[in-house]
Amino acid sequence: ITFSTLRDLQCPVLQSNELQGKPEESCSTEELFEWLGAVSNQ
């Protein structure tokens, strides 16, 4: 088990009822998935 604290992390804005995202309001599931991969791989 490893723990790390990420500071000043830029995170996508998500809305639970918007899977496809909305321009200028929220990100899509695909965008989040790609972002998670980038964050977890530092």
PDB file of all heavy atoms in Angstrom:
ATOM      1  N   ILE A   1       0.848  -1.188   0.000  1.00  0.00           N
ATOM      2  CA  ILE A   1       0.000   0.000   0.000  1.00  0.00           C
ATOM      3  C   ILE A   1       0.883   1.236   0.000  1.00  0.00           C
ATOM      4  O   ILE A   1       1.795   1.354   0.818  1.00  0.00           O
ATOM      5  CB  ILE A   1      -0.935   0.011   1.229  1.00  0.00           C
ATOM      6  CG1 ILE A   1      -1.793  -1.255   1.260  1.00  0.00           C
ATOM      7  CG2 ILE A   1      -1.802   1.264   1.224  1.00  0.00           C
ATOM      8  CD1 ILE A   1      -2.618  -1.418   2.515  1.00  0.00           C
ATOM      9  N   THR A   2       0.614   2.133  -0.953  1.00  0.00           N
ATOM     10  CA  THR A   2       1.337   3.412  -0.989  1.00  0.00           C
ATOM     11  C   THR A   2       0.326   4.557  -1.010  1.00  0.00           C
ATOM     12  O   THR A   2      -0.736   4.448  -1.617  1.00  0.00           O
ATOM     13  CB  THR A   2       2.258   3.519  -2.220  1.00  0.00           C
ATOM     14  OG1 THR A   2       1.474   3.363  -3.401  1.00  0.00           O
ATOM     15  CG2 THR A   2       3.355   2.474  -2.205  1.00  0.00           C
ATOM     16  N   PHE A   3       0.668   5.611  -0.320  1.00  0.00           N
ATOM     17  CA  PHE A   3      -0.157   6.808  -0.273  1.00  0.00           C
ATOM     18  C   PHE A   3       0.640   7.978  -0.809  1.00  0.00           C
ATOM     19  O   PHE A   3       1.842   8.070  -0.569  1.00  0.00           O
ATOM     20  CB  PHE A   3      -0.553   7.147   1.176  1.00  0.00           C
ATOM     21  CG  PHE A   3      -1.403   6.110   1.838  1.00  0.00           C
ATOM     22  CD1 PHE A   3      -0.832   5.142   2.653  1.00  0.00           C
ATOM     23  CD2 PHE A   3      -2.775   6.103   1.668  1.00  0.00           C
ATOM     24  CE1 PHE A   3      -1.606   4.193   3.281  1.00  0.00           C
ATOM     25  CE2 PHE A   3      -3.568   5.147   2.290  1.00  0.00           C
ATOM     26  CZ  PHE A   3      -2.983   4.195   3.098  1.00  0.00           C
ATOM     27  N   SER A   4      -0.029   8.854  -1.513  1.00  0.00           N
ATOM     28  CA  SER A   4       0.623  10.098  -1.909  1.00  0.00           C
ATOM     29  C   SER A   4      -0.413  11.216  -1.900  1.00  0.00           C
ATOM     30  O   SER A   4      -1.599  10.978  -2.116  1.00  0.00           O
ATOM     31  CB  SER A   4       1.294   9.977  -3.278  1.00  0.00           C
ATOM     32  OG  SER A   4       0.385   9.552  -4.248  1.00  0.00           O
ATOM     33  N   THR A   5       0.060  12.396  -1.610  1.00  0.00           N
ATOM     34  CA  THR A   5      -0.792  13.580  -1.606  1.00  0.00           C
ATOM     35  C   THR A   5      -0.407  14.411  -2.812  1.00  0.00           C
ATOM     36  O   THR A   5       0.773  14.722  -3.008  1.00  0.00           O
ATOM     37  CB  THR A   5      -0.587  14.394  -0.313  1.00  0.00           C
ATOM     38  OG1 THR A   5      -0.890  13.552   0.797  1.00  0.00           O
ATOM     39  CG2 THR A   5      -1.488  15.614  -0.292  1.00  0.00           C
ATOM     40  N   LEU A   6      -1.384  14.726  -3.625  1.00  0.00           N
ATOM     41  CA  LEU A   6      -1.156  15.546  -4.812  1.00  0.00           C
ATOM     42  C   LEU A   6      -1.639  16.957  -4.485  1.00  0.00           C
ATOM     43  O   LEU A   6      -2.777  17.145  -4.068  1.00  0.00           O
ATOM     44  CB  LEU A   6      -1.912  14.964  -6.004  1.00  0.00           C
ATOM     45  CG  LEU A   6      -1.670  13.474  -6.269  1.00  0.00           C
ATOM     46  CD1 LEU A   6      -2.613  12.960  -7.338  1.00  0.00           C
ATOM     47  CD2 LEU A   6      -0.227  13.234  -6.655  1.00  0.00           C
ATOM     48  N   ARG A   7      -0.798  17.918  -4.653  1.00  0.00           N
ATOM     49  CA  ARG A   7      -1.144  19.297  -4.308  1.00  0.00           C
ATOM     50  C   ARG A   7      -1.408  20.113  -5.567  1.00  0.00           C
ATOM     51  O   ARG A   7      -0.776  19.908  -6.594  1.00  0.00           O
ATOM     52  CB  ARG A   7      -0.023  19.927  -3.510  1.00  0.00           C
ATOM     53  CG  ARG A   7       0.297  19.121  -2.255  1.00  0.00           C
ATOM     54  CD  ARG A   7       0.567  20.019  -1.085  1.00  0.00           C
ATOM     55  NE  ARG A   7       0.880  19.238   0.089  1.00  0.00           N
ATOM     56  CZ  ARG A   7       0.019  18.988   1.065  1.00  0.00           C
ATOM     57  NH1 ARG A   7      -1.190  19.469   0.997  1.00  0.00           N
ATOM     58  NH2 ARG A   7       0.379  18.269   2.106  1.00  0.00           N
ATOM     59  N   ASP A   8      -2.359  21.029  -5.434  1.00  0.00           N
ATOM     60  CA  ASP A   8      -2.737  21.926  -6.537  1.00  0.00           C
ATOM     61  C   ASP A   8      -2.972  21.139  -7.826  1.00  0.00           C
ATOM     62  O   ASP A   8      -2.411  21.442  -8.868  1.00  0.00           O
ATOM     63  CB  ASP A   8      -1.671  23.004  -6.740  1.00  0.00           C
ATOM     64  CG  ASP A   8      -1.486  23.853  -5.497  1.00  0.00           C
ATOM     65  OD1 ASP A   8      -2.499  24.159  -4.833  1.00  0.00           O
ATOM     66  OD2 ASP A   8      -0.332  24.208  -5.190  1.00  0.00           O
ATOM     67  N   LEU A   9      -3.811  20.143  -7.723  1.00  0.00           N
ATOM     68  CA  LEU A   9      -4.095  19.256  -8.852  1.00  0.00           C
ATOM     69  C   LEU A   9      -5.263  19.798  -9.666  1.00  0.00           C
ATOM     70  O   LEU A   9      -6.329  20.095  -9.127  1.00  0.00           O
ATOM     71  CB  LEU A   9      -4.433  17.853  -8.352  1.00  0.00           C
ATOM     72  CG  LEU A   9      -4.758  16.818  -9.422  1.00  0.00           C
ATOM     73  CD1 LEU A   9      -3.528  16.532 -10.284  1.00  0.00           C
ATOM     74  CD2 LEU A   9      -5.269  15.534  -8.775  1.00  0.00           C
ATOM     75  N   GLN A  10      -5.036  19.941 -10.953  1.00  0.00           N
ATOM     76  CA  GLN A  10      -6.103  20.374 -11.846  1.00  0.00           C
ATOM     77  C   GLN A  10      -6.976  19.161 -12.145  1.00  0.00           C
ATOM     78  O   GLN A  10      -6.505  18.145 -12.648  1.00  0.00           O
ATOM     79  CB  GLN A  10      -5.515  20.948 -13.128  1.00  0.00           C
ATOM     80  CG  GLN A  10      -6.510  21.756 -13.911  1.00  0.00           C
ATOM     81  CD  GLN A  10      -5.842  22.534 -15.035  1.00  0.00           C
ATOM     82  OE1 GLN A  10      -4.668  22.355 -15.320  1.00  0.00           O
ATOM     83  NE2 GLN A  10      -6.616  23.385 -15.663  1.00  0.00           N
ATOM     84  N   CYS A  11      -8.275  19.254 -11.802  1.00  0.00           N
ATOM     85  CA  CYS A  11      -9.219  18.144 -11.939  1.00  0.00           C
ATOM     86  C   CYS A  11     -10.354  18.524 -12.879  1.00  0.00           C
ATOM     87  O   CYS A  11     -10.835  19.655 -12.850  1.00  0.00           O
ATOM     88  CB  CYS A  11      -9.839  17.799 -10.589  1.00  0.00           C
ATOM     89  SG  CYS A  11      -8.687  17.150  -9.397  1.00  0.00           S
ATOM     90  N   PRO A  12     -10.827  17.569 -13.668  1.00  0.00           N
ATOM     91  CA  PRO A  12     -11.970  17.854 -14.533  1.00  0.00           C
ATOM     92  C   PRO A  12     -13.239  18.078 -13.717  1.00  0.00           C
ATOM     93  O   PRO A  12     -13.411  17.499 -12.650  1.00  0.00           O
ATOM     94  CB  PRO A  12     -12.088  16.602 -15.400  1.00  0.00           C
ATOM     95  CG  PRO A  12     -11.317  15.550 -14.704  1.00  0.00           C
ATOM     96  CD  PRO A  12     -10.331  16.214 -13.820  1.00  0.00           C
ATOM     97  N   VAL A  13     -14.102  18.925 -14.215  1.00  0.00           N
ATOM     98  CA  VAL A  13     -15.413  19.140 -13.605  1.00  0.00           C
ATOM     99  C   VAL A  13     -16.350  18.070 -14.145  1.00  0.00           C
ATOM    100  O   VAL A  13     -16.438  17.869 -15.363  1.00  0.00           O
ATOM    101  CB  VAL A  13     -15.947  20.558 -13.932  1.00  0.00           C
ATOM    102  CG1 VAL A  13     -17.388  20.711 -13.456  1.00  0.00           C
ATOM    103  CG2 VAL A  13     -15.048  21.617 -13.312  1.00  0.00           C
ATOM    104  N   LEU A  14     -17.037  17.356 -13.236  1.00  0.00           N
ATOM    105  CA  LEU A  14     -17.933  16.267 -13.628  1.00  0.00           C
ATOM    106  C   LEU A  14     -19.325  16.526 -13.080  1.00  0.00           C
ATOM    107  O   LEU A  14     -19.478  17.117 -12.017  1.00  0.00           O
ATOM    108  CB  LEU A  14     -17.436  14.937 -13.055  1.00  0.00           C
ATOM    109  CG  LEU A  14     -16.018  14.509 -13.397  1.00  0.00           C
ATOM    110  CD1 LEU A  14     -15.674  13.224 -12.679  1.00  0.00           C
ATOM    111  CD2 LEU A  14     -15.852  14.341 -14.893  1.00  0.00           C
ATOM    112  N   GLN A  15     -20.314  16.053 -13.822  1.00  0.00           N
ATOM    113  CA  GLN A  15     -21.698  16.050 -13.351  1.00  0.00           C
ATOM    114  C   GLN A  15     -22.218  14.637 -13.516  1.00  0.00           C
ATOM    115  O   GLN A  15     -22.115  14.047 -14.612  1.00  0.00           O
ATOM    116  CB  GLN A  15     -22.542  17.044 -14.147  1.00  0.00           C
ATOM    117  CG  GLN A  15     -22.158  18.484 -13.880  1.00  0.00           C
ATOM    118  CD  GLN A  15     -23.039  19.465 -14.642  1.00  0.00           C
ATOM    119  OE1 GLN A  15     -24.020  19.097 -15.262  1.00  0.00           O
ATOM    120  NE2 GLN A  15     -22.651  20.726 -14.583  1.00  0.00           N
ATOM    121  N   SER A  16     -22.771  14.094 -12.458  1.00  0.00           N
ATOM    122  CA  SER A  16     -23.164  12.684 -12.461  1.00  0.00           C
ATOM    123  C   SER A  16     -24.176  12.341 -13.547  1.00  0.00           C
ATOM    124  O   SER A  16     -24.194  11.221 -14.049  1.00  0.00           O
ATOM    125  CB  SER A  16     -23.729  12.285 -11.098  1.00  0.00           C
ATOM    126  OG  SER A  16     -24.911  12.999 -10.811  1.00  0.00           O
ATOM    127  N   ASN A  17     -25.000  13.296 -13.945  1.00  0.00           N
ATOM    128  CA  ASN A  17     -26.023  13.006 -14.959  1.00  0.00           C
ATOM    129  C   ASN A  17     -25.577  13.344 -16.378  1.00  0.00           C
ATOM    130  O   ASN A  17     -26.376  13.289 -17.300  1.00  0.00           O
ATOM    131  CB  ASN A  17     -27.319  13.749 -14.624  1.00  0.00           C
ATOM    132  CG  ASN A  17     -27.115  15.254 -14.560  1.00  0.00           C
ATOM    133  OD1 ASN A  17     -25.992  15.736 -14.523  1.00  0.00           O
ATOM    134  ND2 ASN A  17     -28.202  15.994 -14.522  1.00  0.00           N
ATOM    135  N   GLU A  18     -24.313  13.672 -16.567  1.00  0.00           N
ATOM    136  CA  GLU A  18     -23.801  14.040 -17.890  1.00  0.00           C
ATOM    137  C   GLU A  18     -22.652  13.129 -18.302  1.00  0.00           C
ATOM    138  O   GLU A  18     -21.487  13.491 -18.172  1.00  0.00           O
ATOM    139  CB  GLU A  18     -23.333  15.502 -17.898  1.00  0.00           C
ATOM    140  CG  GLU A  18     -24.435  16.514 -17.776  1.00  0.00           C
ATOM    141  CD  GLU A  18     -25.364  16.507 -18.986  1.00  0.00           C
ATOM    142  OE1 GLU A  18     -24.945  16.101 -20.081  1.00  0.00           O
ATOM    143  OE2 GLU A  18     -26.527  16.900 -18.812  1.00  0.00           O
ATOM    144  N   LEU A  19     -22.963  11.931 -18.806  1.00  0.00           N
ATOM    145  CA  LEU A  19     -21.914  10.997 -19.227  1.00  0.00           C
ATOM    146  C   LEU A  19     -21.113  11.525 -20.404  1.00  0.00           C
ATOM    147  O   LEU A  19     -19.913  11.261 -20.517  1.00  0.00           O
ATOM    148  CB  LEU A  19     -22.533   9.646 -19.594  1.00  0.00           C
ATOM    149  CG  LEU A  19     -23.198   8.891 -18.447  1.00  0.00           C
ATOM    150  CD1 LEU A  19     -23.950   7.683 -18.986  1.00  0.00           C
ATOM    151  CD2 LEU A  19     -22.192   8.487 -17.415  1.00  0.00           C
ATOM    152  N   GLN A  20     -21.765  12.237 -21.310  1.00  0.00           N
ATOM    153  CA  GLN A  20     -21.091  12.765 -22.492  1.00  0.00           C
ATOM    154  C   GLN A  20     -20.437  14.106 -22.224  1.00  0.00           C
ATOM    155  O   GLN A  20     -19.716  14.625 -23.076  1.00  0.00           O
ATOM    156  CB  GLN A  20     -22.078  12.896 -23.656  1.00  0.00           C
ATOM    157  CG  GLN A  20     -22.749  11.597 -24.044  1.00  0.00           C
ATOM    158  CD  GLN A  20     -21.745  10.526 -24.424  1.00  0.00           C
ATOM    159  OE1 GLN A  20     -20.759  10.790 -25.107  1.00  0.00           O
ATOM    160  NE2 GLN A  20     -21.975   9.308 -23.966  1.00  0.00           N
ATOM    161  N   GLY A  21     -20.700  14.683 -21.053  1.00  0.00           N
ATOM    162  CA  GLY A  21     -20.183  16.008 -20.741  1.00  0.00           C
ATOM    163  C   GLY A  21     -20.953  17.070 -21.505  1.00  0.00           C
ATOM    164  O   GLY A  21     -21.737  16.770 -22.410  1.00  0.00           O
ATOM    165  N   LYS A  22     -20.763  18.317 -21.108  1.00  0.00           N
ATOM    166  CA  LYS A  22     -21.376  19.451 -21.796  1.00  0.00           C
ATOM    167  C   LYS A  22     -20.296  20.495 -21.990  1.00  0.00           C
ATOM    168  O   LYS A  22     -19.559  20.807 -21.049  1.00  0.00           O
ATOM    169  CB  LYS A  22     -22.499  20.062 -20.953  1.00  0.00           C
ATOM    170  CG  LYS A  22     -23.813  19.359 -21.047  1.00  0.00           C
ATOM    171  CD  LYS A  22     -24.876  20.182 -20.339  1.00  0.00           C
ATOM    172  CE  LYS A  22     -26.239  19.573 -20.561  1.00  0.00           C
ATOM    173  NZ  LYS A  22     -27.265  20.295 -19.801  1.00  0.00           N
ATOM    174  N   PRO A  23     -20.195  21.038 -23.201  1.00  0.00           N
ATOM    175  CA  PRO A  23     -19.174  22.066 -23.435  1.00  0.00           C
ATOM    176  C   PRO A  23     -19.275  23.184 -22.395  1.00  0.00           C
ATOM    177  O   PRO A  23     -20.360  23.673 -22.097  1.00  0.00           O
ATOM    178  CB  PRO A  23     -19.491  22.581 -24.844  1.00  0.00           C
ATOM    179  CG  PRO A  23     -20.249  21.462 -25.485  1.00  0.00           C
ATOM    180  CD  PRO A  23     -21.008  20.787 -24.380  1.00  0.00           C
ATOM    181  N   GLU A  24     -18.144  23.518 -21.809  1.00  0.00           N
ATOM    182  CA  GLU A  24     -17.991  24.589 -20.827  1.00  0.00           C
ATOM    183  C   GLU A  24     -18.729  24.338 -19.515  1.00  0.00           C
ATOM    184  O   GLU A  24     -18.791  25.200 -18.662  1.00  0.00           O
ATOM    185  CB  GLU A  24     -18.401  25.939 -21.423  1.00  0.00           C
ATOM    186  CG  GLU A  24     -17.536  26.317 -22.617  1.00  0.00           C
ATOM    187  CD  GLU A  24     -17.898  27.678 -23.185  1.00  0.00           C
ATOM    188  OE1 GLU A  24     -18.405  28.527 -22.451  1.00  0.00           O
ATOM    189  OE2 GLU A  24     -17.635  27.874 -24.385  1.00  0.00           O
ATOM    190  N   GLU A  25     -19.298  23.115 -19.325  1.00  0.00           N
ATOM    191  CA  GLU A  25     -19.980  22.798 -18.071  1.00  0.00           C
ATOM    192  C   GLU A  25     -19.390  21.584 -17.371  1.00  0.00           C
ATOM    193  O   GLU A  25     -19.221  21.584 -16.162  1.00  0.00           O
ATOM    194  CB  GLU A  25     -21.476  22.565 -18.300  1.00  0.00           C
ATOM    195  CG  GLU A  25     -22.257  23.819 -18.582  1.00  0.00           C
ATOM    196  CD  GLU A  25     -23.748  23.539 -18.701  1.00  0.00           C
ATOM    197  OE1 GLU A  25     -24.245  22.607 -18.028  1.00  0.00           O
ATOM    198  OE2 GLU A  25     -24.402  24.244 -19.477  1.00  0.00           O
ATOM    199  N   SER A  26     -19.103  20.523 -18.136  1.00  0.00           N
ATOM    200  CA  SER A  26     -18.585  19.305 -17.520  1.00  0.00           C
ATOM    201  C   SER A  26     -17.841  18.459 -18.551  1.00  0.00           C
ATOM    202  O   SER A  26     -18.038  18.603 -19.749  1.00  0.00           O
ATOM    203  CB  SER A  26     -19.725  18.488 -16.900  1.00  0.00           C
ATOM    204  OG  SER A  26     -20.614  18.046 -17.894  1.00  0.00           O
ATOM    205  N   CYS A  27     -17.002  17.560 -18.034  1.00  0.00           N
ATOM    206  CA  CYS A  27     -16.208  16.673 -18.886  1.00  0.00           C
ATOM    207  C   CYS A  27     -16.913  15.329 -19.051  1.00  0.00           C
ATOM    208  O   CYS A  27     -17.758  14.948 -18.250  1.00  0.00           O
ATOM    209  CB  CYS A  27     -14.836  16.457 -18.260  1.00  0.00           C
ATOM    210  SG  CYS A  27     -13.865  17.971 -18.171  1.00  0.00           S
ATOM    211  N   SER A  28     -16.538  14.605 -20.075  1.00  0.00           N
ATOM    212  CA  SER A  28     -17.143  13.309 -20.378  1.00  0.00           C
ATOM    213  C   SER A  28     -16.437  12.182 -19.628  1.00  0.00           C
ATOM    214  O   SER A  28     -15.351  12.363 -19.070  1.00  0.00           O
ATOM    215  CB  SER A  28     -17.067  13.038 -21.880  1.00  0.00           C
ATOM    216  OG  SER A  28     -15.729  12.800 -22.261  1.00  0.00           O
ATOM    217  N   THR A  29     -17.049  11.006 -19.661  1.00  0.00           N
ATOM    218  CA  THR A  29     -16.459   9.834 -19.026  1.00  0.00           C
ATOM    219  C   THR A  29     -15.120   9.466 -19.670  1.00  0.00           C
ATOM    220  O   THR A  29     -14.182   9.078 -18.981  1.00  0.00           O
ATOM    221  CB  THR A  29     -17.419   8.628 -19.111  1.00  0.00           C
ATOM    222  OG1 THR A  29     -17.714   8.362 -20.482  1.00  0.00           O
ATOM    223  CG2 THR A  29     -18.694   8.893 -18.351  1.00  0.00           C
ATOM    224  N   GLU A  30     -15.035   9.613 -21.003  1.00  0.00           N
ATOM    225  CA  GLU A  30     -13.781   9.282 -21.696  1.00  0.00           C
ATOM    226  C   GLU A  30     -12.658  10.235 -21.296  1.00  0.00           C
ATOM    227  O   GLU A  30     -11.517   9.819 -21.094  1.00  0.00           O
ATOM    228  CB  GLU A  30     -13.963   9.321 -23.221  1.00  0.00           C
ATOM    229  CG  GLU A  30     -14.848   8.237 -23.774  1.00  0.00           C
ATOM    230  CD  GLU A  30     -16.336   8.628 -23.782  1.00  0.00           C
ATOM    231  OE1 GLU A  30     -16.669   9.784 -23.413  1.00  0.00           O
ATOM    232  OE2 GLU A  30     -17.146   7.773 -24.142  1.00  0.00           O
ATOM    233  N   GLU A  31     -12.982  11.508 -21.184  1.00  0.00           N
ATOM    234  CA  GLU A  31     -11.971  12.489 -20.778  1.00  0.00           C
ATOM    235  C   GLU A  31     -11.484  12.205 -19.358  1.00  0.00           C
ATOM    236  O   GLU A  31     -10.288  12.278 -19.072  1.00  0.00           O
ATOM    237  CB  GLU A  31     -12.538  13.907 -20.865  1.00  0.00           C
ATOM    238  CG  GLU A  31     -12.778  14.377 -22.283  1.00  0.00           C
ATOM    239  CD  GLU A  31     -13.529  15.705 -22.339  1.00  0.00           C
ATOM    240  OE1 GLU A  31     -14.526  15.869 -21.588  1.00  0.00           O
ATOM    241  OE2 GLU A  31     -13.112  16.561 -23.131  1.00  0.00           O
ATOM    242  N   LEU A  32     -12.420  11.856 -18.475  1.00  0.00           N
ATOM    243  CA  LEU A  32     -12.036  11.523 -17.103  1.00  0.00           C
ATOM    244  C   LEU A  32     -11.137  10.305 -17.076  1.00  0.00           C
ATOM    245  O   LEU A  32     -10.121  10.283 -16.384  1.00  0.00           O
ATOM    246  CB  LEU A  32     -13.271  11.260 -16.242  1.00  0.00           C
ATOM    247  CG  LEU A  32     -12.934  10.704 -14.856  1.00  0.00           C
ATOM    248  CD1 LEU A  32     -12.320  11.786 -13.982  1.00  0.00           C
ATOM    249  CD2 LEU A  32     -14.119  10.065 -14.213  1.00  0.00           C
ATOM    250  N   PHE A  33     -11.484   9.271 -17.824  1.00  0.00           N
ATOM    251  CA  PHE A  33     -10.720   8.023 -17.839  1.00  0.00           C
ATOM    252  C   PHE A  33      -9.279   8.278 -18.277  1.00  0.00           C
ATOM    253  O   PHE A  33      -8.333   7.760 -17.682  1.00  0.00           O
ATOM    254  CB  PHE A  33     -11.427   7.035 -18.765  1.00  0.00           C
ATOM    255  CG  PHE A  33     -11.062   5.606 -18.535  1.00  0.00           C
ATOM    256  CD1 PHE A  33     -11.309   4.989 -17.330  1.00  0.00           C
ATOM    257  CD2 PHE A  33     -10.494   4.863 -19.556  1.00  0.00           C
ATOM    258  CE1 PHE A  33     -10.992   3.655 -17.122  1.00  0.00           C
ATOM    259  CE2 PHE A  33     -10.169   3.534 -19.365  1.00  0.00           C
ATOM    260  CZ  PHE A  33     -10.423   2.930 -18.145  1.00  0.00           C
ATOM    261  N   GLU A  34      -9.113   9.088 -19.309  1.00  0.00           N
ATOM    262  CA  GLU A  34      -7.773   9.431 -19.783  1.00  0.00           C
ATOM    263  C   GLU A  34      -7.016  10.238 -18.733  1.00  0.00           C
ATOM    264  O   GLU A  34      -5.840   9.996 -18.470  1.00  0.00           O
ATOM    265  CB  GLU A  34      -7.886  10.218 -21.089  1.00  0.00           C
ATOM    266  CG  GLU A  34      -6.559  10.500 -21.741  1.00  0.00           C
ATOM    267  CD  GLU A  34      -6.718  11.183 -23.085  1.00  0.00           C
ATOM    268  OE1 GLU A  34      -7.588  12.067 -23.226  1.00  0.00           O
ATOM    269  OE2 GLU A  34      -5.949  10.832 -23.990  1.00  0.00           O
ATOM    270  N   TRP A  35      -7.701  11.183 -18.105  1.00  0.00           N
ATOM    271  CA  TRP A  35      -7.084  12.014 -17.069  1.00  0.00           C
ATOM    272  C   TRP A  35      -6.640  11.158 -15.883  1.00  0.00           C
ATOM    273  O   TRP A  35      -5.546  11.336 -15.360  1.00  0.00           O
ATOM    274  CB  TRP A  35      -8.076  13.091 -16.628  1.00  0.00           C
ATOM    275  CG  TRP A  35      -7.594  13.945 -15.510  1.00  0.00           C
ATOM    276  CD1 TRP A  35      -6.792  15.052 -15.608  1.00  0.00           C
ATOM    277  CD2 TRP A  35      -7.878  13.783 -14.116  1.00  0.00           C
ATOM    278  NE1 TRP A  35      -6.569  15.576 -14.353  1.00  0.00           N
ATOM    279  CE2 TRP A  35      -7.226  14.812 -13.426  1.00  0.00           C
ATOM    280  CE3 TRP A  35      -8.626  12.869 -13.393  1.00  0.00           C
ATOM    281  CZ2 TRP A  35      -7.293  14.945 -12.044  1.00  0.00           C
ATOM    282  CZ3 TRP A  35      -8.692  12.996 -12.012  1.00  0.00           C
ATOM    283  CH2 TRP A  35      -8.036  14.021 -11.361  1.00  0.00           C
ATOM    284  N   LEU A  36      -7.482  10.198 -15.463  1.00  0.00           N
ATOM    285  CA  LEU A  36      -7.123   9.314 -14.354  1.00  0.00           C
ATOM    286  C   LEU A  36      -5.848   8.529 -14.664  1.00  0.00           C
ATOM    287  O   LEU A  36      -4.998   8.346 -13.795  1.00  0.00           O
ATOM    288  CB  LEU A  36      -8.254   8.331 -14.053  1.00  0.00           C
ATOM    289  CG  LEU A  36      -9.438   8.862 -13.273  1.00  0.00           C
ATOM    290  CD1 LEU A  36     -10.554   7.832 -13.241  1.00  0.00           C
ATOM    291  CD2 LEU A  36      -9.031   9.266 -11.877  1.00  0.00           C
ATOM    292  N   GLY A  37      -5.739   8.058 -15.898  1.00  0.00           N
ATOM    293  CA  GLY A  37      -4.526   7.344 -16.297  1.00  0.00           C
ATOM    294  C   GLY A  37      -3.297   8.224 -16.186  1.00  0.00           C
ATOM    295  O   GLY A  37      -2.248   7.796 -15.708  1.00  0.00           O
ATOM    296  N   ALA A  38      -3.421   9.473 -16.596  1.00  0.00           N
ATOM    297  CA  ALA A  38      -2.290  10.404 -16.516  1.00  0.00           C
ATOM    298  C   ALA A  38      -1.923  10.685 -15.065  1.00  0.00           C
ATOM    299  O   ALA A  38      -0.739  10.668 -14.700  1.00  0.00           O
ATOM    300  CB  ALA A  38      -2.627  11.702 -17.243  1.00  0.00           C
ATOM    301  N   VAL A  39      -2.916  10.910 -14.220  1.00  0.00           N
ATOM    302  CA  VAL A  39      -2.652  11.212 -12.809  1.00  0.00           C
ATOM    303  C   VAL A  39      -2.037  10.013 -12.109  1.00  0.00           C
ATOM    304  O   VAL A  39      -1.050  10.147 -11.382  1.00  0.00           O
ATOM    305  CB  VAL A  39      -3.942  11.667 -12.089  1.00  0.00           C
ATOM    306  CG1 VAL A  39      -3.744  11.729 -10.581  1.00  0.00           C
ATOM    307  CG2 VAL A  39      -4.385  13.024 -12.607  1.00  0.00           C
ATOM    308  N   SER A  40      -2.586   8.821 -12.328  1.00  0.00           N
ATOM    309  CA  SER A  40      -2.056   7.644 -11.640  1.00  0.00           C
ATOM    310  C   SER A  40      -0.648   7.292 -12.091  1.00  0.00           C
ATOM    311  O   SER A  40       0.110   6.679 -11.350  1.00  0.00           O
ATOM    312  CB  SER A  40      -2.986   6.447 -11.811  1.00  0.00           C
ATOM    313  OG  SER A  40      -3.035   6.049 -13.150  1.00  0.00           O
ATOM    314  N   ASN A  41      -0.278   7.696 -13.291  1.00  0.00           N
ATOM    315  CA  ASN A  41       1.082   7.457 -13.787  1.00  0.00           C
ATOM    316  C   ASN A  41       1.984   8.668 -13.616  1.00  0.00           C
ATOM    317  O   ASN A  41       3.079   8.712 -14.173  1.00  0.00           O
ATOM    318  CB  ASN A  41       1.039   7.034 -15.261  1.00  0.00           C
ATOM    319  CG  ASN A  41       0.527   5.631 -15.407  1.00  0.00           C
ATOM    320  OD1 ASN A  41       1.171   4.690 -14.964  1.00  0.00           O
ATOM    321  ND2 ASN A  41      -0.636   5.481 -15.996  1.00  0.00           N
ATOM    322  N   GLN A  42       1.512   9.647 -12.875  1.00  0.00           N
ATOM    323  CA  GLN A  42       2.277  10.853 -12.524  1.00  0.00           C
ATOM    324  C   GLN A  42       2.774  11.604 -13.751  1.00  0.00           C
ATOM    325  O   GLN A  42       3.902  12.096 -13.793  1.00  0.00           O
ATOM    326  CB  GLN A  42       3.418  10.497 -11.585  1.00  0.00           C
ATOM    327  CG  GLN A  42       2.918   9.868 -10.308  1.00  0.00           C
ATOM    328  CD  GLN A  42       4.029   9.391  -9.399  1.00  0.00           C
ATOM    329  OE1 GLN A  42       5.193   9.331  -9.781  1.00  0.00           O
ATOM    330  NE2 GLN A  42       3.669   9.042  -8.184  1.00  0.00           N
TER     331      GLN A  42
END
